[in-house]
Amino acid sequence: MVHFPRWQIVLIILACVLGLGFATPNLLSDKQVASIPSFLPHKKINLGLDLQGGAHLLLQVDVDYVFREYIASIADSVRGELREGRIRFAGLRVESRTVRFRVRNTADIEKTRERLRSGVGSATTGSLLGGGSREVEIESGGDGVFRVTLTEAAIRSRQDQAIEQSIEVVRRRVDELGTLEPIIQRQGDDRILLQVPGLEDPERLKRILGKTAKMTFHLVDQSEVARKGMRAPPGAMLLPDDTDENQFYLIKRRVEVGGEDLVDAQPTLQDGLPVVSFRFNSRGARRFGNTTRRNVGKPFAIVLDGKVISAPVIREPILGGAGIISGGFTNQTAGDLALLLRAGALPAPLSPLEERTVGASLGTDSIRKGEYASVIGLVLVIVFMGIAYGRFGIMANVALTANMILLLGALSLLQATLTLPGIAGIVLTIGMAVDANVLIFERIREEVRSGRTPISAIDAGYRRAITTIVDSNLTTFIAALMLFFFGSGPIKGFAVTLSIGLATSMFSAIMITRLIVSLWLRRKRPAALPI
């Protein structure tokens, strides 16, 4: 245990140098870090919400909206099947999550049942339910009344799908803001926890998340003059202007091109004014080109979340699959709209249930107190080790310093997010870092008392203490893993720093301290150990 091959010495020194290199940027200002060449380590530890300030939002997904949209599409399918089968019906309406209607001629009951089973009833959720389970149940009575109801499996599947899709869209939108390490987690059946460290404008974040961003393109119905309160004719709908609530457009209900075919949107300038340029995929470009070619000279409405944001007149066919949205934008609103279109539409509206903003000053105060705690803990441990174990304690303190450098370097390399519990994990690591050395040094003392020579006592001390050290650190590491997998947010931060601290502590105690002791033995060849 005392002998070190040359290659092990080289690896230990190399690990310490790399740790110092990755830890150094954390001691520099952002301006100094920016001047570091790109081939050198320049990443700093990310600070969590409680350390650098930011926004904390608890969002609720309107899952009822998802089911309203879904059951409405099923109602349309039922209506289409009945009309295609020339089956007369009456009273078709949606009741909660059920489509209800009555067949006029009771002789058509069996025909209706077969048609619904082969059409609407054959729809399955496929892989979502893991076995091709049916999405609807079809019930009918002798009086000709039919009920098409969503199954519990379909409800759970659609709800889970809506939450997961909402989380992904929220993540894309937040990432577009240029923030680092947002925490986005599902909470309960219909809620999303969002924490965005370092965000300077929480109101802008709420505005961006508050839009569903469902964009569609429609032709304007020019058969009547649109006016507030009018009843839209069949196949049309009355929508307000996005910037003027008193202006309305009568647009055709049919969607000519959907926002799902958009592949890019960017803010730009046209005649010195902010606009949003967009580009479709091949399918969208084909549909957009066909629509504009057939309707030259007619207005074409661009609808976002139920409001008309622009209704330009088609002057010529647009065949390239790209276009411009104008509408009195500012630079920020144009950028926000482009962001929303790139990130995609939410499956359902989000509403904030809880909102907290952590100021940067509070985060700075937390960092300062964490630094004080870490420094005080480090000093007390160094003093104790020096008093308790003399020269060996000084060697352990050198290894403790290396351990802190390795820990900071590993956190920087992994781009871990440091929170207040994470700082607590670092403070705990300082105390645990010398725990292995204490076990080894006490074992060496016992070997010295039993009459062993210095080299034999050190070799036996390390060899017999190693099992105890590995067992104690392994059990703590298992606990840290459980905290990481089952904990949330700050608890995970504590688990990460504790886990990395355990690894660096074992390395510093078993390798670095032992190397220093081995080099001292070779150089001094003491007759007795000062321990």
Protein backbone atom coordinates (compact mmCIF):
# COMPACT_ATOMS: atom_id res chain seq x y z
CA MET A 1 0.00 0.00 0.00
CA VAL A 2 2.99 2.33 0.43
CA HIS A 3 4.60 1.66 -2.96
CA PHE A 4 3.42 3.77 -5.92
CA PRO A 5 4.23 2.90 -9.56
CA ARG A 6 5.33 5.88 -11.63
CA TRP A 7 2.22 5.76 -13.81
CA GLN A 8 -0.03 6.09 -10.75
CA ILE A 9 1.88 9.15 -9.61
CA VAL A 10 1.49 10.71 -13.06
CA LEU A 11 -2.27 10.02 -13.11
CA ILE A 12 -2.78 11.50 -9.62
CA ILE A 13 -0.87 14.67 -10.53
CA LEU A 14 -2.74 14.91 -13.86
CA ALA A 15 -6.13 14.57 -12.09
CA CYS A 16 -5.21 17.36 -9.66
CA VAL A 17 -4.02 19.63 -12.49
CA LEU A 18 -7.21 19.03 -14.49
CA GLY A 19 -9.32 19.66 -11.39
CA LEU A 20 -7.52 22.97 -10.83
CA GLY A 21 -8.00 23.91 -14.48
CA PHE A 22 -11.76 23.27 -14.45
CA ALA A 23 -12.22 24.92 -11.02
CA THR A 24 -10.29 28.12 -11.82
CA PRO A 25 -13.01 29.83 -14.00
CA ASN A 26 -15.27 29.92 -10.92
CA LEU A 27 -12.82 32.32 -9.28
CA LEU A 28 -12.84 34.71 -12.26
CA SER A 29 -15.34 37.35 -13.38
CA ASP A 30 -17.51 36.79 -16.45
CA LYS A 31 -15.37 39.26 -18.40
CA GLN A 32 -12.18 37.39 -17.50
CA VAL A 33 -13.78 34.04 -18.38
CA ALA A 34 -14.80 35.41 -21.81
CA SER A 35 -11.13 36.15 -22.57
CA ILE A 36 -10.05 32.53 -21.93
CA PRO A 37 -9.20 30.67 -25.18
CA SER A 38 -11.92 28.24 -26.22
CA PHE A 39 -9.61 25.20 -26.03
CA LEU A 40 -9.06 25.79 -22.29
CA PRO A 41 -11.66 25.04 -19.56
CA HIS A 42 -13.96 28.06 -19.29
CA LYS A 43 -17.23 26.70 -17.89
CA LYS A 44 -18.48 27.87 -14.51
CA ILE A 45 -20.83 26.16 -12.07
CA ASN A 46 -24.45 27.07 -12.80
CA LEU A 47 -26.20 28.74 -9.89
CA GLY A 48 -29.71 27.65 -8.99
CA LEU A 49 -32.79 29.79 -8.50
CA ASP A 50 -32.10 30.40 -4.82
CA LEU A 51 -28.57 31.64 -5.51
CA GLN A 52 -28.86 33.88 -8.56
CA GLY A 53 -32.53 34.77 -8.48
CA GLY A 54 -35.14 34.07 -11.13
CA ALA A 55 -38.72 32.91 -11.53
CA HIS A 56 -40.66 30.07 -9.89
CA LEU A 57 -43.99 29.14 -11.48
CA LEU A 58 -46.49 26.38 -10.78
CA LEU A 59 -48.56 25.97 -13.94
CA GLN A 60 -51.83 24.14 -14.43
CA VAL A 61 -52.59 22.45 -17.74
CA ASP A 62 -56.22 22.85 -18.83
CA VAL A 63 -56.79 19.17 -19.55
CA ASP A 64 -60.53 19.82 -19.94
CA TYR A 65 -59.64 21.84 -23.05
CA VAL A 66 -57.86 18.78 -24.45
CA PHE A 67 -60.91 16.61 -23.90
CA ARG A 68 -63.28 19.24 -25.30
CA GLU A 69 -61.21 19.37 -28.47
CA TYR A 70 -60.95 15.59 -28.60
CA ILE A 71 -64.61 14.83 -28.00
CA ALA A 72 -65.53 17.52 -30.55
CA SER A 73 -63.40 15.72 -33.15
CA ILE A 74 -65.15 12.45 -32.27
CA ALA A 75 -68.52 14.18 -32.69
CA ASP A 76 -67.43 15.33 -36.16
CA SER A 77 -66.38 11.76 -36.98
CA VAL A 78 -69.75 10.42 -35.80
CA ARG A 79 -71.60 13.04 -37.86
CA GLY A 80 -69.52 12.15 -40.92
CA GLU A 81 -70.12 8.42 -40.52
CA LEU A 82 -73.89 8.91 -40.19
CA ARG A 83 -74.10 11.17 -43.23
CA GLU A 84 -71.94 8.87 -45.31
CA GLY A 85 -74.19 5.96 -44.35
CA ARG A 86 -77.31 8.03 -45.15
CA ILE A 87 -78.62 7.49 -41.64
CA ARG A 88 -81.09 10.09 -40.41
CA PHE A 89 -80.34 11.31 -36.88
CA ALA A 90 -81.31 14.11 -34.51
CA GLY A 91 -80.08 15.80 -31.33
CA LEU A 92 -76.37 15.10 -31.84
CA ARG A 93 -74.59 16.88 -28.99
CA VAL A 94 -71.64 16.59 -26.63
CA GLU A 95 -72.35 15.87 -22.96
CA SER A 96 -69.14 16.07 -20.92
CA ARG A 97 -67.01 13.30 -22.47
CA THR A 98 -69.86 11.60 -24.32
CA VAL A 99 -71.35 12.16 -27.77
CA ARG A 100 -75.12 11.54 -27.70
CA PHE A 101 -77.59 11.34 -30.58
CA ARG A 102 -80.79 9.58 -31.61
CA VAL A 103 -81.44 7.63 -34.79
CA ARG A 104 -84.77 8.70 -36.30
CA ASN A 105 -85.58 5.29 -37.79
CA THR A 106 -85.20 2.41 -35.32
CA ALA A 107 -84.65 0.09 -38.27
CA ASP A 108 -81.23 1.77 -38.70
CA ILE A 109 -80.04 0.92 -35.18
CA GLU A 110 -77.98 -2.12 -36.16
CA LYS A 111 -76.64 -0.39 -39.24
CA THR A 112 -75.61 2.59 -37.10
CA ARG A 113 -73.96 0.34 -34.54
CA GLU A 114 -71.90 -1.46 -37.20
CA ARG A 115 -70.92 1.79 -38.89
CA LEU A 116 -69.74 3.37 -35.64
CA ARG A 117 -67.82 0.23 -34.65
CA SER A 118 -65.98 0.08 -37.97
CA GLY A 119 -65.38 3.83 -38.12
CA VAL A 120 -65.27 5.69 -34.81
CA GLY A 121 -65.07 2.60 -32.58
CA SER A 122 -62.09 1.13 -34.43
CA ALA A 123 -59.83 3.99 -33.35
CA THR A 124 -57.30 2.86 -30.81
CA THR A 125 -54.66 4.55 -28.75
CA GLY A 126 -52.07 2.04 -29.95
CA SER A 127 -48.76 2.30 -28.19
CA LEU A 128 -50.09 4.93 -25.80
CA LEU A 129 -52.08 2.26 -24.00
CA GLY A 130 -49.64 -0.51 -24.71
CA GLY A 131 -52.09 -2.88 -26.32
CA GLY A 132 -54.31 -1.19 -28.87
CA SER A 133 -57.09 -0.47 -26.38
CA ARG A 134 -60.20 1.19 -27.76
CA GLU A 135 -60.59 4.91 -27.14
CA VAL A 136 -64.41 4.90 -27.06
CA GLU A 137 -67.27 2.74 -25.86
CA ILE A 138 -70.46 2.64 -27.95
CA GLU A 139 -73.73 2.11 -26.13
CA SER A 140 -77.19 1.98 -27.67
CA GLY A 141 -80.72 1.25 -26.57
CA GLY A 142 -83.87 0.05 -28.23
CA ASP A 143 -85.16 3.63 -28.44
CA GLY A 144 -82.44 4.50 -30.96
CA VAL A 145 -80.37 6.65 -28.54
CA PHE A 146 -76.61 6.16 -28.94
CA ARG A 147 -73.82 7.21 -26.59
CA VAL A 148 -70.18 7.27 -27.68
CA THR A 149 -68.06 7.68 -24.52
CA LEU A 150 -64.33 8.03 -23.95
CA THR A 151 -62.85 5.07 -22.05
CA GLU A 152 -60.92 5.55 -18.81
CA ALA A 153 -57.79 4.24 -20.53
CA ALA A 154 -58.16 6.83 -23.30
CA ILE A 155 -58.71 9.61 -20.74
CA ARG A 156 -55.56 8.69 -18.81
CA SER A 157 -53.55 8.32 -22.00
CA ARG A 158 -54.68 11.67 -23.45
CA GLN A 159 -54.04 13.44 -20.15
CA ASP A 160 -50.52 12.01 -19.81
CA GLN A 161 -49.81 12.84 -23.43
CA ALA A 162 -51.01 16.44 -22.95
CA ILE A 163 -48.83 16.94 -19.85
CA GLU A 164 -45.72 15.47 -21.48
CA GLN A 165 -46.25 17.49 -24.65
CA SER A 166 -46.81 20.64 -22.58
CA ILE A 167 -43.55 20.04 -20.68
CA GLU A 168 -41.65 19.65 -23.95
CA VAL A 169 -43.13 22.82 -25.46
CA VAL A 170 -42.46 24.77 -22.25
CA ARG A 171 -38.86 23.52 -22.30
CA ARG A 172 -38.38 24.65 -25.91
CA ARG A 173 -39.86 28.06 -25.19
CA VAL A 174 -37.73 28.60 -22.09
CA ASP A 175 -34.59 27.43 -23.90
CA GLU A 176 -35.27 29.99 -26.64
CA LEU A 177 -35.01 32.72 -23.98
CA GLY A 178 -31.34 31.82 -23.54
CA THR A 179 -31.63 30.75 -19.89
CA LEU A 180 -29.49 28.02 -18.35
CA GLU A 181 -30.59 24.87 -16.57
CA PRO A 182 -34.35 25.43 -16.12
CA ILE A 183 -36.07 22.95 -13.80
CA ILE A 184 -39.26 21.61 -15.42
CA GLN A 185 -41.10 18.84 -13.63
CA ARG A 186 -44.55 17.31 -13.59
CA GLN A 187 -46.44 17.65 -10.33
CA GLY A 188 -49.63 15.68 -9.78
CA ASP A 189 -52.07 14.94 -12.58
CA ASP A 190 -52.23 18.32 -14.31
CA ARG A 191 -49.50 20.63 -13.00
CA ILE A 192 -46.01 21.62 -14.13
CA LEU A 193 -43.33 23.12 -11.88
CA LEU A 194 -41.06 25.57 -13.67
CA GLN A 195 -37.99 27.25 -12.15
CA VAL A 196 -35.87 29.51 -14.35
CA PRO A 197 -32.67 30.73 -12.65
CA GLY A 198 -31.24 34.06 -13.77
CA LEU A 199 -34.39 35.25 -15.56
CA GLU A 200 -34.54 39.04 -15.48
CA ASP A 201 -38.07 39.49 -16.88
CA PRO A 202 -40.57 37.05 -15.31
CA GLU A 203 -43.52 38.91 -16.85
CA ARG A 204 -42.24 38.18 -20.34
CA LEU A 205 -41.97 34.50 -19.43
CA LYS A 206 -45.60 34.46 -18.27
CA ARG A 207 -46.72 36.15 -21.48
CA ILE A 208 -44.86 33.60 -23.59
CA LEU A 209 -46.20 30.63 -21.62
CA GLY A 210 -49.70 32.09 -21.52
CA LYS A 211 -50.14 31.74 -25.27
CA THR A 212 -51.17 28.41 -26.70
CA ALA A 213 -49.58 29.52 -30.02
CA LYS A 214 -51.96 27.56 -32.21
CA MET A 215 -51.61 29.24 -35.59
CA THR A 216 -53.77 28.53 -38.64
CA PHE A 217 -54.30 30.15 -42.05
CA HIS A 218 -57.84 30.79 -43.33
CA LEU A 219 -59.52 32.53 -46.24
CA VAL A 220 -61.67 35.53 -45.34
CA ASP A 221 -65.41 35.16 -46.03
CA GLN A 222 -66.35 38.30 -47.96
CA SER A 223 -70.01 37.42 -48.41
CA GLU A 224 -70.97 39.63 -45.48
CA VAL A 225 -69.46 42.60 -43.66
CA ALA A 226 -68.12 41.40 -40.30
CA ARG A 227 -69.58 43.15 -37.28
CA LYS A 228 -69.58 42.54 -33.56
CA GLY A 229 -72.33 40.25 -32.30
CA MET A 230 -73.34 38.93 -35.72
CA ARG A 231 -74.21 35.27 -36.21
CA ALA A 232 -71.63 33.59 -38.40
CA PRO A 233 -73.11 31.66 -41.34
CA PRO A 234 -72.48 27.89 -41.64
CA GLY A 235 -68.84 27.12 -42.48
CA ALA A 236 -67.57 30.45 -41.14
CA MET A 237 -66.62 31.99 -37.79
CA LEU A 238 -66.30 35.50 -36.40
CA LEU A 239 -62.91 36.31 -34.85
CA PRO A 240 -61.60 39.55 -33.33
CA ASP A 241 -58.52 41.45 -34.45
CA ASP A 242 -55.50 40.88 -32.22
CA THR A 243 -54.77 44.60 -31.80
CA ASP A 244 -58.28 46.10 -32.01
CA GLU A 245 -61.06 44.40 -30.03
CA ASN A 246 -63.72 46.38 -31.92
CA GLN A 247 -62.67 45.05 -35.31
CA PHE A 248 -63.81 41.61 -36.41
CA TYR A 249 -63.19 39.29 -39.33
CA LEU A 250 -65.57 36.76 -40.82
CA ILE A 251 -63.30 33.91 -41.85
CA LYS A 252 -63.96 30.51 -43.33
CA ARG A 253 -63.78 27.70 -40.80
CA ARG A 254 -61.72 25.44 -43.04
CA VAL A 255 -58.01 25.49 -42.21
CA GLU A 256 -56.03 26.02 -45.42
CA VAL A 257 -52.61 25.50 -43.75
CA GLY A 258 -51.87 24.52 -40.14
CA GLY A 259 -49.10 25.76 -37.88
CA GLU A 260 -47.85 22.20 -37.47
CA ASP A 261 -46.32 22.54 -40.95
CA LEU A 262 -44.10 25.46 -39.88
CA VAL A 263 -40.41 24.59 -39.68
CA ASP A 264 -38.92 28.01 -38.87
CA ALA A 265 -39.88 31.53 -37.85
CA GLN A 266 -37.53 34.47 -37.33
CA PRO A 267 -37.94 38.17 -36.44
CA THR A 268 -36.72 40.44 -39.23
CA LEU A 269 -37.27 43.88 -40.75
CA GLN A 270 -39.32 44.92 -43.77
CA ASP A 271 -39.22 48.57 -44.85
CA GLY A 272 -37.61 49.32 -41.49
CA LEU A 273 -40.50 47.77 -39.50
CA PRO A 274 -40.35 44.59 -37.38
CA VAL A 275 -42.04 41.58 -39.00
CA VAL A 276 -41.90 37.80 -38.61
CA SER A 277 -40.72 35.65 -41.50
CA PHE A 278 -41.84 32.03 -41.60
CA ARG A 279 -41.12 28.93 -43.63
CA PHE A 280 -43.17 25.76 -44.20
CA ASN A 281 -42.14 22.17 -44.74
CA SER A 282 -42.77 20.56 -48.14
CA ARG A 283 -46.39 19.66 -47.36
CA GLY A 284 -47.19 23.09 -45.96
CA ALA A 285 -45.41 24.82 -48.85
CA ARG A 286 -47.49 22.86 -51.34
CA ARG A 287 -50.77 23.66 -49.61
CA PHE A 288 -49.77 27.31 -49.10
CA GLY A 289 -48.79 27.64 -52.74
CA ASN A 290 -52.02 26.06 -54.01
CA THR A 291 -54.17 28.27 -51.77
CA THR A 292 -52.45 31.52 -52.77
CA ARG A 293 -52.50 30.58 -56.46
CA ARG A 294 -56.26 29.96 -56.43
CA ASN A 295 -57.14 33.06 -54.39
CA VAL A 296 -55.10 35.96 -55.80
CA GLY A 297 -56.71 39.26 -54.85
CA LYS A 298 -58.50 37.84 -51.79
CA PRO A 299 -57.61 38.47 -48.11
CA PHE A 300 -55.86 35.66 -46.27
CA ALA A 301 -56.23 35.60 -42.46
CA ILE A 302 -53.45 34.46 -40.13
CA VAL A 303 -55.07 33.32 -36.86
CA LEU A 304 -53.18 32.88 -33.59
CA ASP A 305 -55.05 31.55 -30.54
CA GLY A 306 -58.44 32.58 -31.86
CA LYS A 307 -57.45 36.11 -32.91
CA VAL A 308 -56.55 37.46 -36.35
CA ILE A 309 -53.03 38.86 -36.19
CA SER A 310 -52.86 39.74 -39.86
CA ALA A 311 -55.14 39.57 -42.91
CA PRO A 312 -53.13 40.63 -45.97
CA VAL A 313 -54.47 40.50 -49.53
CA ILE A 314 -52.85 37.82 -51.70
CA ARG A 315 -51.20 39.87 -54.47
CA GLU A 316 -49.54 36.96 -56.24
CA PRO A 317 -49.02 33.21 -55.75
CA ILE A 318 -46.49 32.41 -53.02
CA LEU A 319 -44.84 29.20 -54.18
CA GLY A 320 -41.61 29.16 -52.18
CA GLY A 321 -43.16 28.01 -48.91
CA ALA A 322 -42.13 31.19 -47.09
CA GLY A 323 -43.93 34.36 -46.10
CA ILE A 324 -44.05 37.42 -43.86
CA ILE A 325 -46.36 38.24 -40.93
CA SER A 326 -46.77 41.97 -40.31
CA GLY A 327 -49.04 43.66 -37.82
CA GLY A 328 -47.58 46.58 -35.91
CA PHE A 329 -44.98 44.53 -34.05
CA THR A 330 -42.23 45.91 -31.85
CA ASN A 331 -38.82 44.24 -31.91
CA GLN A 332 -39.67 42.26 -28.74
CA THR A 333 -43.19 41.21 -29.78
CA ALA A 334 -41.88 40.09 -33.17
CA GLY A 335 -39.15 38.10 -31.43
CA ASP A 336 -41.64 36.58 -29.00
CA LEU A 337 -44.04 35.55 -31.77
CA ALA A 338 -41.19 33.95 -33.74
CA LEU A 339 -40.14 32.13 -30.54
CA LEU A 340 -43.66 30.79 -30.00
CA LEU A 341 -43.98 29.57 -33.57
CA ARG A 342 -40.59 27.84 -33.50
CA ALA A 343 -41.31 26.13 -30.18
CA GLY A 344 -44.68 24.84 -31.34
CA ALA A 345 -48.20 25.04 -29.98
CA LEU A 346 -49.25 23.91 -26.54
CA PRO A 347 -51.87 21.14 -26.53
CA ALA A 348 -53.83 23.10 -23.90
CA PRO A 349 -53.68 26.52 -22.21
CA LEU A 350 -51.50 26.98 -19.13
CA SER A 351 -52.50 29.08 -16.13
CA PRO A 352 -50.17 30.06 -13.25
CA LEU A 353 -51.34 28.77 -9.85
CA GLU A 354 -48.32 29.96 -7.89
CA GLU A 355 -45.68 32.52 -8.72
CA ARG A 356 -42.54 33.55 -6.86
CA THR A 357 -39.71 35.78 -7.93
CA VAL A 358 -36.36 35.43 -6.17
CA GLY A 359 -34.29 38.60 -6.31
CA ALA A 360 -30.60 38.51 -7.20
CA SER A 361 -29.75 40.30 -3.94
CA LEU A 362 -31.23 37.44 -1.92
CA GLY A 363 -29.20 34.98 -3.97
CA THR A 364 -26.00 37.00 -3.40
CA ASP A 365 -26.67 36.98 0.35
CA SER A 366 -27.18 33.20 0.27
CA ILE A 367 -23.92 32.70 -1.61
CA ARG A 368 -22.06 34.89 0.88
CA LYS A 369 -23.43 32.96 3.85
CA GLY A 370 -22.63 29.67 2.12
CA GLU A 371 -19.06 30.85 1.52
CA TYR A 372 -18.74 31.83 5.18
CA ALA A 373 -20.02 28.43 6.29
CA SER A 374 -17.67 26.59 3.91
CA VAL A 375 -14.60 28.63 4.95
CA ILE A 376 -15.36 28.34 8.67
CA GLY A 377 -15.92 24.60 8.35
CA LEU A 378 -12.71 24.20 6.33
CA VAL A 379 -10.65 26.19 8.86
CA LEU A 380 -12.02 24.26 11.85
CA VAL A 381 -11.31 20.92 10.17
CA ILE A 382 -7.76 22.01 9.25
CA VAL A 383 -7.07 23.17 12.81
CA PHE A 384 -8.47 19.95 14.30
CA MET A 385 -6.44 17.70 11.99
CA GLY A 386 -3.25 19.67 12.71
CA ILE A 387 -3.73 19.42 16.46
CA ALA A 388 -4.88 15.79 16.52
CA TYR A 389 -2.39 14.23 14.09
CA GLY A 390 0.49 16.68 13.77
CA ARG A 391 2.49 16.24 10.58
CA PHE A 392 0.10 13.60 9.29
CA GLY A 393 -2.75 16.03 9.90
CA ILE A 394 -0.99 18.61 7.71
CA MET A 395 -0.67 16.02 4.95
CA ALA A 396 -4.41 15.31 5.26
CA ASN A 397 -5.10 19.05 5.04
CA VAL A 398 -3.16 19.26 1.77
CA ALA A 399 -5.30 16.41 0.44
CA LEU A 400 -8.43 18.20 1.74
CA THR A 401 -7.52 21.29 -0.29
CA ALA A 402 -7.00 19.11 -3.36
CA ASN A 403 -10.36 17.48 -2.65
CA MET A 404 -12.16 20.85 -2.70
CA ILE A 405 -10.44 21.74 -5.99
CA LEU A 406 -11.46 18.41 -7.53
CA LEU A 407 -15.04 18.84 -6.30
CA LEU A 408 -15.37 22.33 -7.84
CA GLY A 409 -13.71 21.12 -11.03
CA ALA A 410 -16.10 18.16 -11.34
CA LEU A 411 -19.15 20.39 -10.76
CA SER A 412 -17.91 22.78 -13.46
CA LEU A 413 -17.14 19.96 -15.91
CA LEU A 414 -20.59 18.40 -15.43
CA GLN A 415 -22.28 21.83 -15.55
CA ALA A 416 -24.13 20.94 -12.37
CA THR A 417 -26.58 23.46 -10.90
CA LEU A 418 -25.54 24.61 -7.42
CA THR A 419 -28.33 25.43 -4.95
CA LEU A 420 -28.41 26.18 -1.23
CA PRO A 421 -28.80 22.46 -0.40
CA GLY A 422 -25.87 21.90 -2.78
CA ILE A 423 -23.74 24.26 -0.68
CA ALA A 424 -24.85 22.25 2.36
CA GLY A 425 -23.59 19.16 0.56
CA ILE A 426 -20.20 20.83 0.03
CA VAL A 427 -19.98 21.80 3.70
CA LEU A 428 -20.85 18.21 4.65
CA THR A 429 -18.22 16.94 2.22
CA ILE A 430 -15.54 19.01 3.99
CA GLY A 431 -16.22 17.14 7.21
CA MET A 432 -16.53 13.76 5.51
CA ALA A 433 -13.35 14.33 3.47
CA VAL A 434 -11.13 13.83 6.51
CA ASP A 435 -13.21 10.98 7.91
CA ALA A 436 -11.29 8.40 5.86
CA ASN A 437 -7.98 9.93 6.95
CA VAL A 438 -9.07 9.76 10.61
CA LEU A 439 -9.86 6.04 10.22
CA ILE A 440 -6.49 5.40 8.56
CA PHE A 441 -4.48 7.44 11.06
CA GLU A 442 -6.16 5.77 14.07
CA ARG A 443 -5.42 2.36 12.53
CA ILE A 444 -1.77 3.40 12.03
CA ARG A 445 -1.58 4.46 15.70
CA GLU A 446 -2.82 1.02 16.75
CA GLU A 447 -0.20 -0.66 14.56
CA VAL A 448 2.55 1.56 16.05
CA ARG A 449 1.44 0.65 19.58
CA SER A 450 1.64 -3.03 18.67
CA GLY A 451 5.36 -2.57 17.87
CA ARG A 452 5.39 -2.41 14.05
CA THR A 453 8.04 -0.43 12.16
CA PRO A 454 6.93 2.88 10.51
CA ILE A 455 6.66 1.43 7.00
CA SER A 456 4.90 -1.72 8.22
CA ALA A 457 2.51 0.31 10.42
CA ILE A 458 1.53 2.64 7.55
CA ASP A 459 1.12 -0.25 5.12
CA ALA A 460 -1.04 -2.23 7.56
CA GLY A 461 -3.03 0.89 8.52
CA TYR A 462 -4.05 1.63 4.94
CA ARG A 463 -4.68 -2.02 4.06
CA ARG A 464 -6.92 -2.73 7.06
CA ALA A 465 -8.82 0.57 6.95
CA ILE A 466 -9.64 0.46 3.25
CA THR A 467 -12.58 -1.98 3.64
CA THR A 468 -14.21 0.15 6.34
CA ILE A 469 -13.76 3.31 4.24
CA VAL A 470 -15.28 1.77 1.13
CA ASP A 471 -18.24 0.32 3.05
CA SER A 472 -19.08 3.60 4.84
CA ASN A 473 -18.81 5.69 1.67
CA LEU A 474 -20.75 3.14 -0.38
CA THR A 475 -23.73 3.18 2.00
CA THR A 476 -23.74 7.00 1.96
CA PHE A 477 -23.52 6.96 -1.85
CA ILE A 478 -26.55 4.63 -2.06
CA ALA A 479 -28.51 7.06 0.12
CA ALA A 480 -27.44 9.93 -2.17
CA LEU A 481 -28.62 7.99 -5.23
CA MET A 482 -32.03 7.46 -3.63
CA LEU A 483 -32.26 11.20 -2.92
CA PHE A 484 -31.39 11.95 -6.55
CA PHE A 485 -33.87 9.55 -8.13
CA PHE A 486 -36.79 10.18 -5.78
CA GLY A 487 -36.10 13.75 -4.69
CA SER A 488 -36.91 16.96 -6.54
CA GLY A 489 -35.10 20.18 -7.43
CA PRO A 490 -32.99 21.27 -4.40
CA ILE A 491 -32.84 17.74 -2.96
CA LYS A 492 -31.28 16.55 -6.22
CA GLY A 493 -28.72 19.36 -5.97
CA PHE A 494 -27.75 18.15 -2.51
CA ALA A 495 -27.49 14.56 -3.77
CA VAL A 496 -25.27 15.58 -6.71
CA THR A 497 -22.75 17.52 -4.61
CA LEU A 498 -22.74 14.83 -1.95
CA SER A 499 -22.13 12.05 -4.51
CA ILE A 500 -19.32 13.91 -6.25
CA GLY A 501 -17.90 14.87 -2.85
CA LEU A 502 -17.83 11.21 -1.78
CA ALA A 503 -15.91 10.24 -4.92
CA THR A 504 -13.35 13.06 -4.59
CA SER A 505 -13.01 12.44 -0.82
CA MET A 506 -12.14 8.78 -1.34
CA PHE A 507 -9.70 9.70 -4.08
CA SER A 508 -7.99 12.34 -1.95
CA ALA A 509 -7.78 10.12 1.16
CA ILE A 510 -6.77 6.84 -0.48
CA MET A 511 -4.57 8.24 -3.26
CA ILE A 512 -3.39 11.80 -2.56
CA THR A 513 -2.77 11.53 1.20
CA ARG A 514 -1.16 8.10 0.74
CA LEU A 515 1.08 9.47 -2.02
CA ILE A 516 2.22 12.35 0.20
CA VAL A 517 2.88 9.95 3.09
CA SER A 518 4.79 7.59 0.77
CA LEU A 519 7.01 10.37 -0.60
CA TRP A 520 7.69 11.59 2.96
CA LEU A 521 8.67 8.09 4.05
CA ARG A 522 11.09 7.66 1.15
CA ARG A 523 12.73 11.00 1.83
CA LYS A 524 12.91 11.05 5.65
CA ARG A 525 13.02 7.32 6.50
CA PRO A 526 11.89 8.08 10.11
CA ALA A 527 12.66 5.76 12.99
CA ALA A 528 9.33 6.67 14.64
CA LEU A 529 6.09 8.10 13.29
CA PRO A 530 5.00 11.60 14.52
CA ILE A 531 1.36 10.66 14.92
